[in-house]
């Protein structure tokens, strides 16, 4: 128990050291950990002693994929055909434990584009955005632009409208107009004849240019070419929309798979034993529709038919293979012009996705499948490898700036540079990740029937926080009581927006199940007596961490 608490809490204190060293509880904890104080002091001394050297500018290509969980061969999912991204993974560093900060598109993208946690931005849904809540924030592409970079973007980089017009004029330098996401190029036109619902699995014949992601990839290739003519380094963000629902994809990628070799969840097709109902959600996904099986309700206590699940998984995997092909074409264009020697490549997503696990077909939860994302970096001078160091999407900002040798990152950026981990994959900068999600129940007797999409931040009644540490996922759901700007921690018990927890979850996640996507979160052990010690330590660590937000 003491080991679990000490590791988590001390990393938390290290993260908050500069801001909270004068807090009496933190100061006491620091005094109890001489080794940590020495470590922090040594790191500061090393940083100050570095000689400033003029470095050659480095380009950035960001393959930012929507709704992509680590459903790649490089993450042990061999049934998914992703040869191009697997090749990228062999050339770069694969982060096996990367997590988003809020598992839905708009707030997640606002978070990692600014390097700040949702509670810092006060952006939790599709109402606010960082330009409305923190107008002085400097977004990541804007930062690179200020350093003389050509910054160009296409597709879904920011959430459409959050901020408005993809932040044109501030984030993007304008050598090419930003390529906006065109909705009629992402939608399936076919409806099921009985329900009149659009199909969720929609393989379609026709030219590739009729699909938005084809245009995004082509734009990205052209953007890199134009940027090189400007004799400036470039930052190109290629925002691929699939595998976001609906799974509308060129038919040849659907034909790569047959339902006979598609695995549907078996051990995790039901919700976890002893799960509080606030942990589950039908938000954004009340029904699923396929051509063969029609329209079925997604229900907390009734998984979809197995054969229908296989067809849905097939649709998702087809989209992943489509994105894999497009990403490979963009990488080929980059590498044909010496990209391996002068360009940082980042592959990431905005959050994960459930494919029937926990009876869910969406994100919007705090389970592993919703929070975990693929994360691969290939950079000049960085050796290929793999790491289990826990990382967060807010780390992207400082990591890209560090790899590009850019100084003066805005002080309000909360993430950390992952360059130490890239240079030594056995190291880590923290031993936890934090993800949160709001709940706005329509009926408090059925808390899973909730949607916060259009509520202002002050009206959100419940927030869940999930702390992922080696071996465990600890989640608590709190009633919020005050405005988002109120401090969460004021010495002593948590106050402000956090009150007594209304539900607690604790899931054992052994290291051996990492690649088994049908093994996560099968039983909530928060009420088990033999888990009380771990629960107590993780709760204290979570509250310490919330003190920093």
Protein backbone atom coordinates (compact mmCIF):
# COMPACT_ATOMS: atom_id res chain seq x y z
CA UNK A 1 0.00 0.00 0.00
CA UNK A 2 2.69 2.50 0.96
CA UNK A 3 4.50 1.82 -2.31
CA UNK A 4 1.41 2.53 -4.40
CA UNK A 5 0.67 5.72 -2.50
CA UNK A 6 4.23 6.98 -2.33
CA UNK A 7 4.95 6.51 -6.01
CA UNK A 8 1.79 8.19 -7.20
CA UNK A 9 1.68 10.97 -4.65
CA UNK A 10 5.34 11.89 -4.96
CA UNK A 11 5.18 12.10 -8.73
CA UNK A 12 2.16 14.32 -8.27
CA UNK A 13 4.05 16.55 -5.89
CA UNK A 14 6.98 16.71 -8.29
CA UNK A 15 4.61 17.80 -11.06
CA UNK A 16 3.22 20.55 -8.84
CA UNK A 17 6.49 21.44 -7.17
CA UNK A 18 6.98 24.99 -8.37
CA UNK A 19 3.41 26.09 -7.70
CA UNK A 20 2.70 24.27 -4.48
CA UNK A 21 6.05 23.97 -2.66
CA UNK A 22 4.79 26.50 -0.08
CA UNK A 23 1.59 24.59 0.61
CA UNK A 24 1.99 23.10 4.14
CA UNK A 25 0.92 19.58 3.17
CA UNK A 26 3.09 19.55 0.07
CA UNK A 27 6.04 21.03 1.93
CA UNK A 28 5.72 18.32 4.56
CA UNK A 29 5.61 15.63 1.91
CA UNK A 30 8.69 17.12 0.27
CA UNK A 31 10.55 17.02 3.58
CA UNK A 32 9.65 13.34 3.85
CA UNK A 33 11.23 12.67 0.47
CA UNK A 34 14.83 13.86 0.46
CA UNK A 35 15.58 11.85 -2.65
CA UNK A 36 12.82 13.59 -4.61
CA UNK A 37 14.05 17.02 -3.54
CA UNK A 38 17.57 16.07 -4.61
CA UNK A 39 16.24 14.79 -7.94
CA UNK A 40 14.37 18.03 -8.61
CA UNK A 41 17.38 20.10 -7.64
CA UNK A 42 19.71 18.08 -9.85
CA UNK A 43 17.36 18.39 -12.80
CA UNK A 44 17.18 22.16 -12.37
CA UNK A 45 20.96 22.44 -12.12
CA UNK A 46 21.43 20.32 -15.24
CA UNK A 47 18.96 22.44 -17.18
CA UNK A 48 20.64 25.70 -16.16
CA UNK A 49 24.10 24.41 -17.07
CA UNK A 50 23.21 23.48 -20.67
CA UNK A 51 25.04 25.54 -23.24
CA UNK A 52 22.77 27.26 -25.69
CA UNK A 53 23.58 26.09 -29.16
CA UNK A 54 22.12 27.14 -32.47
CA UNK A 55 20.24 24.14 -33.89
CA UNK A 56 19.06 23.59 -37.41
CA UNK A 57 15.25 24.01 -37.70
CA UNK A 58 13.28 20.77 -37.82
CA UNK A 59 9.97 20.26 -39.62
CA UNK A 60 6.86 18.70 -38.04
CA UNK A 61 4.30 16.40 -39.66
CA UNK A 62 1.40 15.51 -37.38
CA UNK A 63 -0.86 12.60 -38.36
CA UNK A 64 -3.83 13.38 -36.11
CA UNK A 65 -6.49 10.68 -36.39
CA UNK A 66 -10.03 10.97 -35.03
CA UNK A 67 -11.48 8.35 -32.63
CA UNK A 68 -8.52 6.02 -33.11
CA UNK A 69 -7.81 3.65 -30.26
CA UNK A 70 -4.54 1.63 -30.44
CA UNK A 71 -6.15 -0.72 -32.99
CA UNK A 72 -2.89 -1.21 -34.89
CA UNK A 73 -0.60 -4.14 -35.49
CA UNK A 74 2.11 -2.19 -33.67
CA UNK A 75 -0.03 -2.42 -30.53
CA UNK A 76 -0.55 -6.17 -30.78
CA UNK A 77 -3.81 -6.02 -32.77
CA UNK A 78 -2.59 -8.24 -35.60
CA UNK A 79 -6.04 -8.75 -37.10
CA UNK A 80 -6.08 -5.08 -38.15
CA UNK A 81 -4.19 -4.49 -41.40
CA UNK A 82 -2.02 -1.42 -40.80
CA UNK A 83 1.29 -2.09 -42.59
CA UNK A 84 2.19 1.58 -43.16
CA UNK A 85 1.65 2.75 -39.59
CA UNK A 86 3.33 -0.40 -38.28
CA UNK A 87 6.36 0.53 -40.39
CA UNK A 88 6.31 4.03 -38.88
CA UNK A 89 6.20 2.46 -35.42
CA UNK A 90 9.28 0.36 -36.20
CA UNK A 91 11.14 3.55 -37.14
CA UNK A 92 10.02 5.57 -34.13
CA UNK A 93 9.27 5.26 -30.43
CA UNK A 94 5.96 3.62 -29.54
CA UNK A 95 4.34 4.88 -26.34
CA UNK A 96 2.26 1.97 -25.07
CA UNK A 97 0.53 3.96 -22.32
CA UNK A 98 -0.67 7.24 -23.77
CA UNK A 99 -3.95 8.76 -22.57
CA UNK A 100 -6.24 11.65 -23.43
CA UNK A 101 -7.42 14.21 -20.87
CA UNK A 102 -11.14 14.16 -21.74
CA UNK A 103 -12.63 11.47 -23.95
CA UNK A 104 -14.62 13.42 -26.52
CA UNK A 105 -13.39 15.39 -29.52
CA UNK A 106 -13.76 19.13 -28.82
CA UNK A 107 -12.43 19.36 -25.24
CA UNK A 108 -9.66 16.86 -25.92
CA UNK A 109 -8.43 18.84 -28.91
CA UNK A 110 -8.69 22.13 -27.05
CA UNK A 111 -6.62 20.53 -24.31
CA UNK A 112 -3.73 19.13 -26.32
CA UNK A 113 -3.62 22.08 -28.72
CA UNK A 114 -2.90 24.32 -25.73
CA UNK A 115 -1.05 21.81 -23.56
CA UNK A 116 -3.51 22.46 -20.74
CA UNK A 117 -5.90 20.26 -18.82
CA UNK A 118 -9.66 20.71 -19.26
CA UNK A 119 -10.05 22.11 -15.72
CA UNK A 120 -7.43 24.74 -16.54
CA UNK A 121 -9.18 25.74 -19.76
CA UNK A 122 -12.71 25.22 -18.38
CA UNK A 123 -13.64 23.49 -21.65
CA UNK A 124 -15.62 20.27 -21.20
CA UNK A 125 -17.96 19.91 -24.17
CA UNK A 126 -19.11 21.64 -27.36
CA UNK A 127 -20.17 24.96 -25.82
CA UNK A 128 -16.89 26.67 -24.97
CA UNK A 129 -13.44 26.68 -26.55
CA UNK A 130 -10.07 27.97 -25.43
CA UNK A 131 -10.41 31.24 -27.36
CA UNK A 132 -13.57 32.05 -25.37
CA UNK A 133 -12.36 30.91 -21.92
CA UNK A 134 -8.63 31.72 -22.14
CA UNK A 135 -8.26 34.13 -25.09
CA UNK A 136 -4.57 34.80 -24.42
CA UNK A 137 -3.61 31.14 -24.75
CA UNK A 138 -1.07 30.42 -27.49
CA UNK A 139 -2.07 27.32 -29.41
CA UNK A 140 0.59 24.85 -30.54
CA UNK A 141 0.55 25.70 -34.28
CA UNK A 142 0.40 29.39 -33.36
CA UNK A 143 3.54 28.93 -31.25
CA UNK A 144 5.38 27.33 -34.16
CA UNK A 145 4.17 30.10 -36.46
CA UNK A 146 5.60 32.69 -34.06
CA UNK A 147 8.98 30.96 -34.44
CA UNK A 148 9.02 31.45 -38.20
CA UNK A 149 7.38 28.20 -39.29
CA UNK A 150 5.03 27.72 -42.20
CA UNK A 151 1.98 26.27 -40.40
CA UNK A 152 -0.66 24.57 -42.53
CA UNK A 153 -3.56 22.33 -41.58
CA UNK A 154 -6.30 20.23 -43.13
CA UNK A 155 -9.33 18.26 -42.01
CA UNK A 156 -10.10 17.71 -38.36
CA UNK A 157 -7.29 19.29 -36.38
CA UNK A 158 -9.38 21.48 -34.11
CA UNK A 159 -12.99 20.45 -33.59
CA UNK A 160 -14.99 22.29 -36.29
CA UNK A 161 -16.18 25.57 -34.76
CA UNK A 162 -14.19 25.13 -31.52
CA UNK A 163 -12.46 27.54 -31.97
CA UNK A 164 -14.25 29.20 -34.90
CA UNK A 165 -12.91 28.68 -38.42
CA UNK A 166 -10.18 26.30 -37.17
CA UNK A 167 -8.41 29.29 -35.63
CA UNK A 168 -7.46 30.66 -39.04
CA UNK A 169 -5.50 33.87 -38.79
CA UNK A 170 -3.76 32.83 -35.60
CA UNK A 171 -2.76 29.17 -35.86
CA UNK A 172 -2.14 28.91 -39.60
CA UNK A 173 0.24 30.99 -41.70
CA UNK A 174 -1.90 31.05 -44.84
CA UNK A 175 0.39 29.97 -47.68
CA UNK A 176 -2.56 27.68 -48.49
CA UNK A 177 -6.11 28.21 -47.23
CA UNK A 178 -7.01 25.87 -44.39
CA UNK A 179 -8.86 22.83 -45.77
CA UNK A 180 -12.10 22.70 -43.78
CA UNK A 181 -13.80 19.44 -42.93
CA UNK A 182 -16.66 18.99 -45.40
CA UNK A 183 -19.45 17.05 -43.73
CA UNK A 184 -21.09 15.77 -46.89
CA UNK A 185 -17.79 14.02 -47.69
CA UNK A 186 -17.88 12.14 -44.37
CA UNK A 187 -21.46 10.89 -44.32
CA UNK A 188 -23.04 7.74 -45.62
CA UNK A 189 -26.02 8.49 -47.84
CA UNK A 190 -27.65 5.07 -47.41
CA UNK A 191 -30.48 4.52 -44.91
CA UNK A 192 -31.89 1.26 -43.64
CA UNK A 193 -35.27 0.66 -45.29
CA UNK A 194 -37.06 -0.35 -42.07
CA UNK A 195 -35.76 2.19 -39.54
CA UNK A 196 -34.79 4.98 -41.98
CA UNK A 197 -31.56 5.38 -39.97
CA UNK A 198 -28.28 6.04 -41.75
CA UNK A 199 -26.04 2.97 -41.88
CA UNK A 200 -23.14 3.00 -39.44
CA UNK A 201 -21.18 0.56 -41.60
CA UNK A 202 -21.20 1.97 -45.12
CA UNK A 203 -18.62 0.65 -47.61
CA UNK A 204 -19.05 2.56 -50.85
CA UNK A 205 -17.83 2.26 -54.42
CA UNK A 206 -16.66 5.41 -56.13
CA UNK A 207 -13.62 7.62 -56.55
CA UNK A 208 -11.46 8.20 -53.49
CA UNK A 209 -11.73 11.97 -53.94
CA UNK A 210 -15.34 11.68 -52.78
CA UNK A 211 -14.01 10.96 -49.29
CA UNK A 212 -12.80 13.82 -47.08
CA UNK A 213 -9.70 12.01 -45.86
CA UNK A 214 -8.42 11.57 -49.42
CA UNK A 215 -8.54 15.35 -49.84
CA UNK A 216 -6.89 15.89 -46.44
CA UNK A 217 -3.99 13.60 -47.34
CA UNK A 218 -3.54 15.24 -50.76
CA UNK A 219 -3.59 18.70 -49.17
CA UNK A 220 -0.95 17.63 -46.63
CA UNK A 221 1.34 16.37 -49.38
CA UNK A 222 0.96 19.62 -51.29
CA UNK A 223 1.41 21.69 -48.11
CA UNK A 224 4.78 20.09 -47.38
CA UNK A 225 5.89 20.71 -50.96
CA UNK A 226 4.84 24.37 -50.92
CA UNK A 227 6.41 24.91 -47.50
CA UNK A 228 9.77 23.65 -48.76
CA UNK A 229 9.74 26.29 -51.49
CA UNK A 230 9.50 29.01 -48.82
CA UNK A 231 12.89 28.10 -47.39
CA UNK A 232 11.30 27.89 -43.95
CA UNK A 233 10.64 24.94 -41.64
CA UNK A 234 7.08 23.66 -41.70
CA UNK A 235 4.44 22.44 -39.26
CA UNK A 236 1.79 20.47 -41.17
CA UNK A 237 -1.21 18.96 -39.35
CA UNK A 238 -3.02 16.22 -41.28
CA UNK A 239 -6.37 15.81 -39.50
CA UNK A 240 -7.87 12.49 -40.64
CA UNK A 241 -11.56 12.02 -39.82
CA UNK A 242 -11.94 8.25 -39.89
CA UNK A 243 -12.46 6.03 -37.94
CA UNK A 244 -15.03 8.44 -36.51
CA UNK A 245 -18.60 7.20 -37.01
CA UNK A 246 -20.19 6.61 -39.43
CA UNK A 247 -17.82 4.05 -40.91
CA UNK A 248 -18.11 5.26 -44.49
CA UNK A 249 -15.10 3.95 -46.37
CA UNK A 250 -14.04 2.86 -49.87
CA UNK A 251 -15.36 -0.67 -50.29
CA UNK A 252 -11.97 -2.24 -51.05
CA UNK A 253 -10.90 -1.61 -47.44
CA UNK A 254 -14.04 -3.25 -46.09
CA UNK A 255 -13.31 -6.20 -48.39
CA UNK A 256 -9.94 -6.70 -46.70
CA UNK A 257 -11.84 -8.34 -43.87
CA UNK A 258 -14.40 -11.09 -43.49
CA UNK A 259 -16.66 -11.42 -40.48
CA UNK A 260 -15.41 -14.95 -39.82
CA UNK A 261 -12.00 -13.67 -38.69
CA UNK A 262 -13.28 -10.61 -36.80
CA UNK A 263 -13.21 -10.88 -33.02
CA UNK A 264 -16.12 -9.45 -31.08
CA UNK A 265 -15.69 -8.91 -27.33
CA UNK A 266 -16.48 -12.01 -25.32
CA UNK A 267 -15.29 -11.54 -21.72
CA UNK A 268 -16.00 -7.79 -21.68
CA UNK A 269 -19.23 -7.68 -23.71
CA UNK A 270 -21.17 -6.95 -20.50
CA UNK A 271 -20.63 -3.96 -18.21
CA UNK A 272 -18.15 -4.62 -15.38
CA UNK A 273 -19.41 -6.41 -12.29
CA UNK A 274 -20.34 -3.89 -9.56
CA UNK A 275 -19.97 -0.94 -11.93
CA UNK A 276 -21.85 2.20 -10.83
CA UNK A 277 -24.23 3.22 -13.57
CA UNK A 278 -22.68 6.72 -13.84
CA UNK A 279 -19.62 5.02 -15.36
CA UNK A 280 -21.48 3.96 -18.51
CA UNK A 281 -22.96 6.21 -21.18
CA UNK A 282 -25.09 6.01 -24.28
CA UNK A 283 -24.13 9.58 -25.09
CA UNK A 284 -23.66 10.05 -28.82
CA UNK A 285 -24.65 6.49 -29.60
CA UNK A 286 -28.22 5.45 -28.77
CA UNK A 287 -28.52 3.03 -31.69
CA UNK A 288 -26.32 1.22 -34.20
CA UNK A 289 -27.46 0.34 -37.71
CA UNK A 290 -26.12 -2.11 -40.28
CA UNK A 291 -27.50 -3.22 -43.60
CA UNK A 292 -28.00 -6.85 -42.51
CA UNK A 293 -29.08 -6.46 -38.88
CA UNK A 294 -31.05 -3.24 -39.03
CA UNK A 295 -31.20 -0.78 -36.13
CA UNK A 296 -30.60 -1.92 -32.55
CA UNK A 297 -30.63 0.10 -29.35
CA UNK A 298 -27.38 0.31 -27.42
CA UNK A 299 -28.36 -0.64 -23.88
CA UNK A 300 -26.51 -0.91 -20.60
CA UNK A 301 -27.87 -4.38 -19.82
CA UNK A 302 -28.14 -5.94 -23.29
CA UNK A 303 -25.14 -6.26 -25.61
CA UNK A 304 -25.76 -6.18 -29.34
CA UNK A 305 -25.99 -9.52 -31.19
CA UNK A 306 -22.55 -11.05 -31.71
CA UNK A 307 -22.77 -11.20 -35.51
CA UNK A 308 -23.82 -7.55 -35.64
CA UNK A 309 -20.89 -6.66 -33.39
CA UNK A 310 -18.53 -8.39 -35.81
CA UNK A 311 -19.87 -6.38 -38.71
CA UNK A 312 -19.46 -3.15 -36.73
CA UNK A 313 -15.89 -4.03 -35.77
CA UNK A 314 -15.23 -4.82 -39.43
CA UNK A 315 -16.42 -1.33 -40.37
CA UNK A 316 -14.10 0.29 -37.81
CA UNK A 317 -11.12 -1.80 -38.90
CA UNK A 318 -11.81 -0.97 -42.56
CA UNK A 319 -11.59 2.73 -41.69
CA UNK A 320 -8.33 2.18 -39.80
CA UNK A 321 -6.86 0.44 -42.87
CA UNK A 322 -8.03 3.35 -45.06
CA UNK A 323 -6.30 5.83 -42.74
CA UNK A 324 -3.23 3.59 -42.75
CA UNK A 325 -3.04 3.73 -46.54
CA UNK A 326 -3.44 7.52 -46.64
CA UNK A 327 -0.89 8.04 -43.88
CA UNK A 328 1.57 5.89 -45.80
CA UNK A 329 1.14 8.05 -48.91
CA UNK A 330 1.78 11.22 -46.89
CA UNK A 331 4.87 9.64 -45.31
CA UNK A 332 6.15 8.52 -48.73
CA UNK A 333 5.90 12.11 -50.00
CA UNK A 334 7.70 13.37 -46.91
CA UNK A 335 10.50 10.80 -47.03
CA UNK A 336 11.06 11.32 -50.77
CA UNK A 337 12.29 14.81 -49.86
CA UNK A 338 14.56 13.75 -46.99
CA UNK A 339 11.92 13.70 -44.28
CA UNK A 340 13.65 11.11 -42.14
CA UNK A 341 16.58 13.47 -41.70
CA UNK A 342 14.75 16.76 -41.09
CA UNK A 343 11.19 16.09 -39.90
CA UNK A 344 9.52 15.05 -36.67
CA UNK A 345 6.54 12.76 -37.31
CA UNK A 346 3.85 12.37 -34.66
CA UNK A 347 0.99 9.87 -34.87
CA UNK A 348 -1.74 10.40 -32.29
CA UNK A 349 -5.49 10.47 -31.74
CA UNK A 350 -7.86 12.60 -29.68
CA UNK A 351 -9.24 9.70 -27.59
CA UNK A 352 -10.07 6.01 -27.85
CA UNK A 353 -13.26 4.12 -28.62
CA UNK A 354 -15.26 1.12 -27.40
CA UNK A 355 -15.96 -1.63 -29.90
CA UNK A 356 -18.52 -3.45 -27.80
CA UNK A 357 -16.36 -3.71 -24.69
CA UNK A 358 -18.35 -2.82 -21.56
CA UNK A 359 -21.43 -3.05 -23.86
CA UNK A 360 -20.45 0.34 -25.32
CA UNK A 361 -20.07 1.66 -28.87
CA UNK A 362 -18.75 5.14 -28.24
CA UNK A 363 -16.18 7.12 -26.28
CA UNK A 364 -17.65 9.27 -23.43
CA UNK A 365 -16.41 6.99 -20.61
CA UNK A 366 -13.43 6.77 -18.27
CA UNK A 367 -12.60 3.17 -19.15
CA UNK A 368 -9.29 2.15 -20.71
CA UNK A 369 -10.64 1.83 -24.24
CA UNK A 370 -12.03 5.37 -24.19
CA UNK A 371 -8.97 7.03 -22.63
CA UNK A 372 -6.06 5.21 -24.28
CA UNK A 373 -4.66 6.38 -27.62
CA UNK A 374 -1.91 5.40 -30.06
CA UNK A 375 1.15 7.63 -29.77
CA UNK A 376 4.24 7.25 -31.95
CA UNK A 377 7.10 9.70 -32.53
CA UNK A 378 9.76 9.41 -35.21
CA UNK A 379 12.39 12.14 -35.02
CA UNK A 380 15.91 12.78 -36.30
CA UNK A 381 18.48 11.50 -33.84
CA UNK A 382 15.97 9.39 -31.88
CA UNK A 383 16.49 5.62 -31.90
CA UNK A 384 13.47 3.35 -32.45
CA UNK A 385 12.04 1.65 -29.39
CA UNK A 386 9.04 1.09 -27.16
CA UNK A 387 8.18 2.48 -23.75
CA UNK A 388 5.62 1.84 -21.07
CA UNK A 389 6.13 5.25 -19.52
CA UNK A 390 2.69 6.82 -18.88
CA UNK A 391 2.20 9.91 -21.04
CA UNK A 392 -0.63 12.32 -21.74
CA UNK A 393 -1.75 14.22 -24.82
CA UNK A 394 -0.98 17.52 -23.10
CA UNK A 395 2.69 16.47 -23.37
CA UNK A 396 2.59 16.97 -27.15
CA UNK A 397 3.15 20.73 -26.93
CA UNK A 398 6.40 20.77 -24.99
CA UNK A 399 7.66 17.60 -26.68
CA UNK A 400 7.38 18.99 -30.22
CA UNK A 401 8.84 22.33 -29.13
CA UNK A 402 11.76 20.56 -27.45
CA UNK A 403 12.45 18.29 -30.43
CA UNK A 404 12.33 21.34 -32.72
CA UNK A 405 14.78 23.22 -30.44
CA UNK A 406 12.27 25.99 -29.75
CA UNK A 407 12.55 27.93 -26.52
CA UNK A 408 10.19 30.07 -24.45
CA UNK A 409 7.21 27.75 -24.39
CA UNK A 410 4.30 29.59 -22.72
CA UNK A 411 4.37 29.17 -18.96
CA UNK A 412 0.74 28.06 -18.79
CA UNK A 413 1.47 24.91 -20.80
CA UNK A 414 0.99 22.13 -18.25
CA UNK A 415 2.36 19.12 -20.14
CA UNK A 416 5.95 17.90 -19.99
CA UNK A 417 8.54 17.25 -22.67
CA UNK A 418 8.89 13.57 -23.47
CA UNK A 419 12.36 13.98 -24.93
CA UNK A 420 14.00 12.35 -21.87
CA UNK A 421 11.83 9.28 -22.49
CA UNK A 422 12.56 9.34 -26.23
CA UNK A 423 16.27 9.28 -25.44
CA UNK A 424 15.95 6.60 -22.76
CA UNK A 425 12.79 4.51 -23.13
CA UNK A 426 13.32 3.01 -19.67
CA UNK A 427 12.82 6.40 -18.03
CA UNK A 428 9.57 8.19 -17.22
CA UNK A 429 8.45 11.69 -16.30
CA UNK A 430 5.49 10.59 -14.17
CA UNK A 431 3.86 7.31 -13.20
CA UNK A 432 0.24 8.30 -13.76
CA UNK A 433 -2.15 9.81 -16.28
CA UNK A 434 -5.36 11.68 -15.57
CA UNK A 435 -8.55 11.64 -17.64
CA UNK A 436 -11.85 13.27 -16.76
CA UNK A 437 -15.40 13.28 -18.08
CA UNK A 438 -18.60 15.18 -17.16
CA UNK A 439 -22.02 13.61 -16.62
CA UNK A 440 -25.31 15.45 -16.99
CA UNK A 441 -28.07 12.93 -16.23
CA UNK A 442 -31.53 13.44 -17.67
CA UNK A 443 -32.84 11.10 -14.96
CA UNK A 444 -30.82 10.70 -11.74
CA UNK A 445 -32.12 7.14 -11.36
CA UNK A 446 -30.45 6.30 -14.70
CA UNK A 447 -27.23 8.29 -14.61
CA UNK A 448 -25.91 6.67 -17.77
CA UNK A 449 -28.68 8.38 -19.74
CA UNK A 450 -26.79 11.66 -19.88
CA UNK A 451 -25.54 14.30 -22.27
CA UNK A 452 -23.50 17.38 -21.40
CA UNK A 453 -22.93 18.40 -25.00
CA UNK A 454 -24.79 21.73 -24.90
CA UNK A 455 -24.60 22.70 -21.21
CA UNK A 456 -22.41 25.55 -20.05
CA UNK A 457 -19.59 24.59 -17.71
CA UNK A 458 -21.31 26.11 -14.66
CA UNK A 459 -24.33 23.84 -15.21
CA UNK A 460 -22.43 20.53 -15.29
CA UNK A 461 -23.54 18.63 -12.15
CA UNK A 462 -21.12 15.66 -12.09
CA UNK A 463 -17.47 15.19 -13.03
CA UNK A 464 -15.51 11.96 -13.04
CA UNK A 465 -11.73 11.82 -12.66
CA UNK A 466 -9.76 8.69 -13.53
CA UNK A 467 -6.20 8.11 -12.37
CA UNK A 468 -4.31 5.47 -14.35
CA UNK A 469 -1.21 4.08 -12.64
CA UNK A 470 0.69 0.84 -13.26
CA UNK A 471 -1.63 -2.01 -12.35
CA UNK A 472 -4.71 0.08 -11.56
CA UNK A 473 -7.38 2.39 -12.87
CA UNK A 474 -8.98 4.43 -10.07
CA UNK A 475 -12.03 6.57 -10.86
CA UNK A 476 -14.25 8.76 -8.69
CA UNK A 477 -17.34 10.69 -9.69
CA UNK A 478 -18.08 13.92 -7.81
CA UNK A 479 -20.97 16.33 -7.50
CA UNK A 480 -19.74 19.74 -8.53
CA UNK A 481 -20.81 22.66 -6.35
CA UNK A 482 -19.23 25.89 -7.54
CA UNK A 483 -18.11 27.72 -10.65
CA UNK A 484 -15.25 26.22 -12.67
CA UNK A 485 -12.90 29.02 -11.68
CA UNK A 486 -13.08 28.13 -7.99
CA UNK A 487 -10.00 26.40 -6.55
CA UNK A 488 -10.48 22.69 -6.05
CA UNK A 489 -8.03 22.37 -3.20
CA UNK A 490 -7.59 24.93 -0.44
CA UNK A 491 -5.69 23.01 2.20
CA UNK A 492 -7.45 20.12 3.91
CA UNK A 493 -10.45 18.35 2.39
CA UNK A 494 -11.29 19.03 -1.26
CA UNK A 495 -13.68 21.92 -1.72
CA UNK A 496 -14.82 24.12 -4.55
CA UNK A 497 -16.08 22.08 -7.49
CA UNK A 498 -15.40 18.69 -5.88
CA UNK A 499 -17.56 17.30 -3.06
CA UNK A 500 -18.08 13.88 -1.51
CA UNK A 501 -17.76 11.23 -4.22
CA UNK A 502 -21.03 9.78 -5.48
CA UNK A 503 -19.39 6.70 -7.01
CA UNK A 504 -15.99 5.00 -6.88
CA UNK A 505 -14.35 2.53 -9.22
CA UNK A 506 -11.14 0.54 -8.91
CA UNK A 507 -10.02 -1.90 -11.58
CA UNK A 508 -6.96 -4.12 -11.46
CA UNK A 509 -5.11 -3.96 -14.79
CA UNK A 510 -2.20 -6.42 -14.72
CA UNK A 511 0.76 -5.70 -16.96
CA UNK A 512 0.19 -9.00 -18.78
CA UNK A 513 -3.14 -7.93 -20.37
CA UNK A 514 -1.87 -4.85 -22.21
CA UNK A 515 -2.43 -6.27 -25.71
CA UNK A 516 -5.59 -8.18 -24.82
CA UNK A 517 -8.35 -5.69 -25.60
CA UNK A 518 -10.96 -8.14 -24.29
CA UNK A 519 -9.51 -8.14 -20.77
CA UNK A 520 -9.85 -4.60 -19.40
CA UNK A 521 -12.14 -3.58 -16.51
CA UNK A 522 -14.23 -6.66 -15.90
CA UNK A 523 -14.88 -6.14 -12.18
CA UNK A 524 -14.97 -3.04 -9.97
CA UNK A 525 -13.15 -3.98 -6.74
CA UNK A 526 -13.55 -0.63 -4.96
CA UNK A 527 -15.72 -2.23 -2.26
CA UNK A 528 -13.42 -5.21 -1.69
CA UNK A 529 -11.71 -5.26 1.68
CA UNK A 530 -8.38 -6.38 0.26
CA UNK A 531 -8.35 -3.34 -2.05
CA UNK A 532 -8.99 -0.80 0.72
CA UNK A 533 -5.34 0.11 1.13
CA UNK A 534 -4.77 0.75 -2.58
CA UNK A 535 -8.04 2.66 -2.76
CA UNK A 536 -7.07 4.95 0.09
CA UNK A 537 -3.66 5.73 -1.37
CA UNK A 538 -4.96 6.35 -4.86
CA UNK A 539 -7.71 8.64 -3.57
CA UNK A 540 -5.16 10.74 -1.68
CA UNK A 541 -2.96 10.87 -4.77
CA UNK A 542 -5.89 11.94 -6.97
CA UNK A 543 -6.83 14.76 -4.63
CA UNK A 544 -3.22 15.92 -4.50
CA UNK A 545 -3.18 16.01 -8.28
CA UNK A 546 -6.44 17.94 -8.48
CA UNK A 547 -4.74 20.57 -6.37
CA UNK A 548 -2.64 21.51 -9.39
CA UNK A 549 -5.47 22.11 -11.82
